[in-house]
Amino acid sequence: MKNAIDASQLTEVAPFGLFELDPTGTVLYHRVDPETDAQTAPLNIAGRNFYDEVAPFENAEDFRQHVNEFTESAKFADSFNFECRCEGNGQPVRVLLARIR
């Protein structure tokens, strides 16, 4: 069941931390470290689409492509550098992907 939160609250969620996504990009689990994240009480975003609602950065489709390539591969883990672009500004991030069974 989705939380009763509005879109403005979703954009306040930093798209950083640990995310578990299903194949369509729906957030199954999300956790942030309150010591390194300014949001000490993050919203429960389980059930929301990561690419469209949680991290709607300008190049989200490029990010989705990286994740899809990993999903289709036989690798157990991978990492890549990515620049999340929002309103013309870039935020460099290091992304770690893992297959958990």
N, C-alpha and C. Protein backbone atom coordinates (compact mmCIF):
# COMPACT_ATOMS: atom_id res chain seq x y z
N MET A 1 0.84 -1.18 0.00
CA MET A 1 0.00 0.00 0.00
C MET A 1 0.88 1.24 0.00
N LYS A 2 0.59 2.19 -0.87
CA LYS A 2 1.38 3.41 -0.97
C LYS A 2 1.00 4.37 0.15
N ASN A 3 1.99 5.14 0.58
CA ASN A 3 1.74 6.16 1.60
C ASN A 3 0.97 7.31 0.99
N ALA A 4 0.24 8.02 1.81
CA ALA A 4 -0.47 9.20 1.36
C ALA A 4 0.48 10.40 1.45
N ILE A 5 1.36 10.53 0.46
CA ILE A 5 2.29 11.65 0.40
C ILE A 5 2.15 12.30 -0.96
N ASP A 6 2.45 13.59 -1.02
CA ASP A 6 2.30 14.28 -2.30
C ASP A 6 3.63 14.33 -3.04
N ALA A 7 3.57 14.72 -4.28
CA ALA A 7 4.75 14.74 -5.16
C ALA A 7 5.84 15.65 -4.64
N SER A 8 5.50 16.76 -3.99
CA SER A 8 6.53 17.67 -3.49
C SER A 8 7.36 16.99 -2.41
N GLN A 9 6.77 16.11 -1.63
CA GLN A 9 7.53 15.38 -0.63
C GLN A 9 8.47 14.38 -1.28
N LEU A 10 8.04 13.76 -2.36
CA LEU A 10 8.90 12.79 -3.04
C LEU A 10 10.15 13.44 -3.57
N THR A 11 10.05 14.65 -4.09
CA THR A 11 11.23 15.31 -4.64
C THR A 11 12.19 15.74 -3.54
N GLU A 12 11.73 15.74 -2.27
CA GLU A 12 12.61 16.07 -1.16
C GLU A 12 13.43 14.88 -0.70
N VAL A 13 13.11 13.68 -1.17
CA VAL A 13 13.85 12.49 -0.80
C VAL A 13 15.13 12.45 -1.62
N ALA A 14 16.26 12.42 -0.95
CA ALA A 14 17.53 12.32 -1.67
C ALA A 14 17.64 10.92 -2.27
N PRO A 15 17.93 10.82 -3.56
CA PRO A 15 18.02 9.50 -4.19
C PRO A 15 19.34 8.80 -3.88
N PHE A 16 19.77 8.88 -2.62
CA PHE A 16 21.01 8.26 -2.20
C PHE A 16 20.71 7.31 -1.05
N GLY A 17 21.46 6.25 -0.97
CA GLY A 17 21.25 5.25 0.07
C GLY A 17 21.15 3.88 -0.56
N LEU A 18 20.51 2.98 0.14
CA LEU A 18 20.31 1.62 -0.34
C LEU A 18 18.89 1.48 -0.87
N PHE A 19 18.78 1.03 -2.11
CA PHE A 19 17.48 0.83 -2.74
C PHE A 19 17.39 -0.59 -3.25
N GLU A 20 16.27 -1.24 -3.03
CA GLU A 20 15.97 -2.51 -3.68
C GLU A 20 14.83 -2.23 -4.63
N LEU A 21 15.06 -2.53 -5.92
CA LEU A 21 14.07 -2.25 -6.95
C LEU A 21 13.60 -3.55 -7.59
N ASP A 22 12.34 -3.57 -8.01
CA ASP A 22 11.88 -4.70 -8.80
C ASP A 22 12.24 -4.42 -10.26
N PRO A 23 11.97 -5.35 -11.18
CA PRO A 23 12.37 -5.14 -12.58
C PRO A 23 11.76 -3.90 -13.25
N THR A 24 10.65 -3.39 -12.75
CA THR A 24 10.05 -2.20 -13.36
C THR A 24 10.53 -0.91 -12.73
N GLY A 25 11.36 -1.01 -11.68
CA GLY A 25 11.87 0.19 -11.01
C GLY A 25 11.09 0.57 -9.77
N THR A 26 10.14 -0.25 -9.36
CA THR A 26 9.38 0.03 -8.14
C THR A 26 10.27 -0.22 -6.93
N VAL A 27 10.27 0.72 -5.99
CA VAL A 27 11.08 0.59 -4.79
C VAL A 27 10.45 -0.44 -3.87
N LEU A 28 11.21 -1.49 -3.56
CA LEU A 28 10.76 -2.52 -2.63
C LEU A 28 11.27 -2.22 -1.22
N TYR A 29 12.44 -1.59 -1.15
CA TYR A 29 13.08 -1.28 0.13
C TYR A 29 14.00 -0.08 -0.07
N HIS A 30 14.09 0.77 0.97
CA HIS A 30 14.96 1.94 0.90
C HIS A 30 15.49 2.23 2.29
N ARG A 31 16.78 2.51 2.37
CA ARG A 31 17.37 2.88 3.66
C ARG A 31 18.46 3.91 3.44
N VAL A 32 18.52 4.90 4.32
CA VAL A 32 19.59 5.89 4.30
C VAL A 32 20.28 5.88 5.65
N ASP A 33 21.50 6.36 5.68
CA ASP A 33 22.24 6.49 6.92
C ASP A 33 21.94 7.87 7.50
N PRO A 34 21.23 7.95 8.62
CA PRO A 34 20.86 9.27 9.16
C PRO A 34 22.05 10.13 9.54
N GLU A 35 23.22 9.53 9.75
CA GLU A 35 24.39 10.32 10.09
C GLU A 35 24.99 11.02 8.88
N THR A 36 24.77 10.47 7.70
CA THR A 36 25.34 11.09 6.49
C THR A 36 24.28 11.74 5.62
N ASP A 37 23.01 11.52 5.92
CA ASP A 37 21.91 12.09 5.16
C ASP A 37 21.19 13.11 6.03
N ALA A 38 20.92 14.28 5.48
CA ALA A 38 20.26 15.34 6.25
C ALA A 38 18.86 14.96 6.69
N GLN A 39 18.26 14.00 6.02
CA GLN A 39 16.91 13.59 6.36
C GLN A 39 16.98 12.49 7.41
N THR A 40 16.70 12.82 8.64
CA THR A 40 16.78 11.82 9.69
C THR A 40 15.52 10.98 9.76
N ALA A 41 14.46 11.40 9.12
CA ALA A 41 13.22 10.63 9.10
C ALA A 41 12.73 10.54 7.65
N PRO A 42 13.42 9.74 6.81
CA PRO A 42 13.02 9.67 5.41
C PRO A 42 11.62 9.07 5.24
N LEU A 43 10.99 9.46 4.17
CA LEU A 43 9.65 8.95 3.86
C LEU A 43 9.74 7.48 3.47
N ASN A 44 8.68 6.75 3.73
CA ASN A 44 8.59 5.38 3.25
C ASN A 44 8.18 5.46 1.79
N ILE A 45 9.09 5.15 0.90
CA ILE A 45 8.82 5.29 -0.53
C ILE A 45 8.62 3.94 -1.21
N ALA A 46 8.49 2.89 -0.42
CA ALA A 46 8.22 1.57 -1.00
C ALA A 46 6.93 1.65 -1.82
N GLY A 47 6.96 1.05 -3.00
CA GLY A 47 5.80 1.07 -3.89
C GLY A 47 5.84 2.19 -4.91
N ARG A 48 6.78 3.12 -4.76
CA ARG A 48 6.92 4.23 -5.72
C ARG A 48 7.92 3.85 -6.80
N ASN A 49 7.79 4.42 -7.98
CA ASN A 49 8.73 4.14 -9.06
C ASN A 49 9.98 5.00 -8.85
N PHE A 50 11.12 4.35 -8.78
CA PHE A 50 12.37 5.05 -8.52
C PHE A 50 12.69 6.07 -9.60
N TYR A 51 12.52 5.68 -10.86
CA TYR A 51 12.93 6.54 -11.97
C TYR A 51 11.98 7.72 -12.19
N ASP A 52 10.70 7.52 -11.97
CA ASP A 52 9.72 8.56 -12.26
C ASP A 52 9.34 9.41 -11.05
N GLU A 53 9.34 8.81 -9.86
CA GLU A 53 8.84 9.53 -8.69
C GLU A 53 9.91 9.86 -7.66
N VAL A 54 10.87 8.97 -7.46
CA VAL A 54 11.85 9.17 -6.40
C VAL A 54 13.06 9.95 -6.88
N ALA A 55 13.58 9.60 -8.03
CA ALA A 55 14.78 10.25 -8.56
C ALA A 55 14.53 10.69 -10.00
N PRO A 56 13.62 11.64 -10.18
CA PRO A 56 13.30 12.05 -11.55
C PRO A 56 14.33 13.02 -12.14
N PHE A 57 15.61 12.63 -12.08
CA PHE A 57 16.62 13.51 -12.65
C PHE A 57 16.55 13.44 -14.16
N GLU A 58 17.14 14.44 -14.80
CA GLU A 58 17.02 14.62 -16.25
C GLU A 58 17.53 13.44 -17.06
N ASN A 59 18.53 12.75 -16.56
CA ASN A 59 19.11 11.62 -17.28
C ASN A 59 18.75 10.28 -16.61
N ALA A 60 17.58 10.19 -16.05
CA ALA A 60 17.14 8.96 -15.39
C ALA A 60 17.09 7.78 -16.36
N GLU A 61 16.79 8.04 -17.62
CA GLU A 61 16.73 6.95 -18.59
C GLU A 61 18.12 6.34 -18.81
N ASP A 62 19.17 7.16 -18.77
CA ASP A 62 20.54 6.64 -18.86
C ASP A 62 20.85 5.76 -17.66
N PHE A 63 20.42 6.19 -16.49
CA PHE A 63 20.62 5.41 -15.27
C PHE A 63 19.88 4.08 -15.37
N ARG A 64 18.64 4.13 -15.83
CA ARG A 64 17.84 2.91 -15.99
C ARG A 64 18.54 1.94 -16.95
N GLN A 65 19.15 2.46 -18.00
CA GLN A 65 19.85 1.61 -18.97
C GLN A 65 21.01 0.87 -18.29
N HIS A 66 21.78 1.57 -17.44
CA HIS A 66 22.87 0.92 -16.70
C HIS A 66 22.32 -0.22 -15.83
N VAL A 67 21.23 0.05 -15.13
CA VAL A 67 20.64 -0.96 -14.26
C VAL A 67 20.11 -2.13 -15.08
N ASN A 68 19.45 -1.85 -16.19
CA ASN A 68 18.94 -2.93 -17.04
C ASN A 68 20.07 -3.80 -17.61
N GLU A 69 21.17 -3.17 -18.01
CA GLU A 69 22.31 -3.93 -18.52
C GLU A 69 22.85 -4.87 -17.45
N PHE A 70 22.91 -4.39 -16.21
CA PHE A 70 23.36 -5.24 -15.11
C PHE A 70 22.37 -6.38 -14.88
N THR A 71 21.09 -6.07 -14.88
CA THR A 71 20.06 -7.07 -14.65
C THR A 71 20.12 -8.18 -15.69
N GLU A 72 20.40 -7.82 -16.92
CA GLU A 72 20.45 -8.80 -18.01
C GLU A 72 21.77 -9.57 -18.06
N SER A 73 22.77 -9.11 -17.31
CA SER A 73 24.06 -9.78 -17.30
C SER A 73 24.07 -10.92 -16.28
N ALA A 74 25.17 -11.64 -16.24
CA ALA A 74 25.33 -12.72 -15.26
C ALA A 74 26.17 -12.28 -14.07
N LYS A 75 26.52 -11.00 -14.02
CA LYS A 75 27.37 -10.49 -12.93
C LYS A 75 26.62 -10.52 -11.60
N PHE A 76 27.39 -10.77 -10.53
CA PHE A 76 26.81 -10.72 -9.19
C PHE A 76 26.89 -9.32 -8.61
N ALA A 77 27.84 -8.52 -9.11
CA ALA A 77 28.01 -7.15 -8.63
C ALA A 77 28.66 -6.33 -9.73
N ASP A 78 28.41 -5.03 -9.69
CA ASP A 78 29.02 -4.10 -10.64
C ASP A 78 28.97 -2.71 -10.03
N SER A 79 29.74 -1.81 -10.57
CA SER A 79 29.70 -0.42 -10.12
C SER A 79 30.02 0.48 -11.29
N PHE A 80 29.56 1.72 -11.18
CA PHE A 80 29.84 2.71 -12.22
C PHE A 80 29.70 4.10 -11.64
N ASN A 81 30.38 5.05 -12.27
CA ASN A 81 30.23 6.46 -11.90
C ASN A 81 29.12 7.03 -12.74
N PHE A 82 28.33 7.91 -12.15
CA PHE A 82 27.20 8.50 -12.85
C PHE A 82 27.02 9.93 -12.37
N GLU A 83 26.57 10.79 -13.26
CA GLU A 83 26.28 12.17 -12.88
C GLU A 83 24.78 12.39 -12.97
N CYS A 84 24.14 12.54 -11.81
CA CYS A 84 22.70 12.82 -11.76
C CYS A 84 22.51 14.29 -12.11
N ARG A 85 21.77 14.57 -13.18
CA ARG A 85 21.55 15.94 -13.61
C ARG A 85 20.13 16.39 -13.25
N CYS A 86 20.06 17.48 -12.51
CA CYS A 86 18.79 18.08 -12.12
C CYS A 86 18.87 19.58 -12.37
N GLU A 87 17.95 20.07 -13.16
CA GLU A 87 17.87 21.50 -13.47
C GLU A 87 19.21 22.03 -13.97
N GLY A 88 19.89 21.25 -14.80
CA GLY A 88 21.14 21.68 -15.40
C GLY A 88 22.37 21.46 -14.53
N ASN A 89 22.19 21.12 -13.27
CA ASN A 89 23.32 20.89 -12.37
C ASN A 89 23.59 19.40 -12.26
N GLY A 90 24.84 19.04 -12.15
CA GLY A 90 25.22 17.64 -12.02
C GLY A 90 25.72 17.29 -10.64
N GLN A 91 25.36 16.10 -10.17
CA GLN A 91 25.86 15.58 -8.90
C GLN A 91 26.52 14.24 -9.19
N PRO A 92 27.86 14.17 -9.12
CA PRO A 92 28.52 12.90 -9.40
C PRO A 92 28.27 11.91 -8.26
N VAL A 93 27.97 10.68 -8.63
CA VAL A 93 27.73 9.62 -7.64
C VAL A 93 28.44 8.35 -8.09
N ARG A 94 28.71 7.50 -7.14
CA ARG A 94 29.24 6.16 -7.41
C ARG A 94 28.10 5.20 -7.11
N VAL A 95 27.75 4.39 -8.09
CA VAL A 95 26.62 3.46 -7.96
C VAL A 95 27.16 2.04 -7.85
N LEU A 96 26.70 1.33 -6.85
CA LEU A 96 27.06 -0.07 -6.68
C LEU A 96 25.80 -0.90 -6.88
N LEU A 97 25.89 -1.89 -7.74
CA LEU A 97 24.75 -2.78 -8.01
C LEU A 97 25.11 -4.17 -7.52
N ALA A 98 24.17 -4.84 -6.90
CA ALA A 98 24.42 -6.20 -6.40
C ALA A 98 23.19 -7.06 -6.62
N ARG A 99 23.44 -8.30 -6.93
CA ARG A 99 22.37 -9.28 -7.10
C ARG A 99 22.33 -10.08 -5.79
N ILE A 100 21.21 -9.99 -5.12
CA ILE A 100 21.08 -10.68 -3.84
C ILE A 100 20.08 -11.81 -4.00
N ARG A 101 20.48 -13.00 -3.61
CA ARG A 101 19.60 -14.16 -3.77
C ARG A 101 19.41 -14.83 -2.45
